[in-house]
Amino acid sequence: MAIVKTYHYPNGTVYIDDDCYRDVPPDEMQRRIERLQKTAWELYLKNERRKGNENL
């Protein structure tokens, strides 16, 4: 297993290893990346809302 791509998000870092995309067509890999990005932003927004509620 080798790390081939790294994505940095406000709440963390995601590492993609070569097992993740072995035998996966490009359109499926793009769909996986988009889903990963969506999940990362949802986690970020959830954390921001939680921080906002703590300040009330």
C-alpha atoms as a PDB file:
ATOM      1  CA  MET A   1       0.000   0.000   0.000  1.00  0.00           C
ATOM      2  CA  ALA A   2       1.319   3.429  -0.958  1.00  0.00           C
ATOM      3  CA  ILE A   3      -0.179   6.873  -0.395  1.00  0.00           C
ATOM      4  CA  VAL A   4      -0.878   8.375  -3.809  1.00  0.00           C
ATOM      5  CA  LYS A   5      -3.000  11.430  -3.034  1.00  0.00           C
ATOM      6  CA  THR A   6      -3.541  13.649  -0.020  1.00  0.00           C
ATOM      7  CA  TYR A   7      -6.531  15.959   0.502  1.00  0.00           C
ATOM      8  CA  HIS A   8      -6.369  18.661   3.160  1.00  0.00           C
ATOM      9  CA  TYR A   9      -9.636  19.920   4.634  1.00  0.00           C
ATOM     10  CA  PRO A  10     -10.313  22.369   7.446  1.00  0.00           C
ATOM     11  CA  ASN A  11     -10.996  19.560   9.934  1.00  0.00           C
ATOM     12  CA  GLY A  12      -8.475  16.981   8.839  1.00  0.00           C
ATOM     13  CA  THR A  13      -6.499  15.265   6.145  1.00  0.00           C
ATOM     14  CA  VAL A  14      -7.519  12.327   3.963  1.00  0.00           C
ATOM     15  CA  TYR A  15      -4.918  10.018   2.496  1.00  0.00           C
ATOM     16  CA  ILE A  16      -5.755   7.930  -0.571  1.00  0.00           C
ATOM     17  CA  ASP A  17      -3.754   4.761  -0.960  1.00  0.00           C
ATOM     18  CA  ASP A  18      -3.305   2.733  -4.120  1.00  0.00           C
ATOM     19  CA  ASP A  19      -5.697   0.034  -2.859  1.00  0.00           C
ATOM     20  CA  CYS A  20      -8.478   2.612  -3.026  1.00  0.00           C
ATOM     21  CA  TYR A  21      -8.458   2.935  -6.788  1.00  0.00           C
ATOM     22  CA  ARG A  22      -7.138  -0.374  -8.056  1.00  0.00           C
ATOM     23  CA  ASP A  23      -9.375  -1.631 -10.917  1.00  0.00           C
ATOM     24  CA  VAL A  24     -11.711   1.366 -10.531  1.00  0.00           C
ATOM     25  CA  PRO A  25     -12.830   3.238 -13.673  1.00  0.00           C
ATOM     26  CA  PRO A  26     -12.031   6.990 -13.754  1.00  0.00           C
ATOM     27  CA  ASP A  27     -15.686   8.050 -13.469  1.00  0.00           C
ATOM     28  CA  GLU A  28     -16.138   5.924 -10.333  1.00  0.00           C
ATOM     29  CA  MET A  29     -12.953   7.353  -8.838  1.00  0.00           C
ATOM     30  CA  GLN A  30     -14.226  10.865  -9.497  1.00  0.00           C
ATOM     31  CA  ARG A  31     -17.520   9.977  -7.806  1.00  0.00           C
ATOM     32  CA  ARG A  32     -15.614   8.682  -4.771  1.00  0.00           C
ATOM     33  CA  ILE A  33     -13.544  11.868  -4.568  1.00  0.00           C
ATOM     34  CA  GLU A  34     -16.663  14.030  -4.764  1.00  0.00           C
ATOM     35  CA  ARG A  35     -18.333  11.973  -2.029  1.00  0.00           C
ATOM     36  CA  LEU A  36     -15.223  12.322   0.122  1.00  0.00           C
ATOM     37  CA  GLN A  37     -15.209  16.103  -0.389  1.00  0.00           C
ATOM     38  CA  LYS A  38     -18.914  16.347   0.464  1.00  0.00           C
ATOM     39  CA  THR A  39     -18.432  14.320   3.642  1.00  0.00           C
ATOM     40  CA  ALA A  40     -15.453  16.430   4.716  1.00  0.00           C
ATOM     41  CA  TRP A  41     -17.428  19.657   4.287  1.00  0.00           C
ATOM     42  CA  GLU A  42     -20.433  18.241   6.141  1.00  0.00           C
ATOM     43  CA  LEU A  43     -18.164  17.379   9.062  1.00  0.00           C
ATOM     44  CA  TYR A  44     -16.632  20.846   8.936  1.00  0.00           C
ATOM     45  CA  LEU A  45     -20.031  22.559   8.950  1.00  0.00           C
ATOM     46  CA  LYS A  46     -21.267  20.355  11.791  1.00  0.00           C
ATOM     47  CA  ASN A  47     -18.206  21.316  13.820  1.00  0.00           C
ATOM     48  CA  GLU A  48     -18.715  25.010  13.073  1.00  0.00           C
ATOM     49  CA  ARG A  49     -22.361  24.821  14.175  1.00  0.00           C
ATOM     50  CA  ARG A  50     -21.280  23.094  17.376  1.00  0.00           C
ATOM     51  CA  LYS A  51     -18.738  25.853  18.036  1.00  0.00           C
ATOM     52  CA  GLY A  52     -21.412  28.479  17.374  1.00  0.00           C
ATOM     53  CA  ASN A  53     -23.785  26.897  19.886  1.00  0.00           C
ATOM     54  CA  GLU A  54     -21.078  26.855  22.561  1.00  0.00           C
ATOM     55  CA  ASN A  55     -20.819  30.658  22.286  1.00  0.00           C
ATOM     56  CA  LEU A  56     -24.527  31.184  23.027  1.00  0.00           C
END
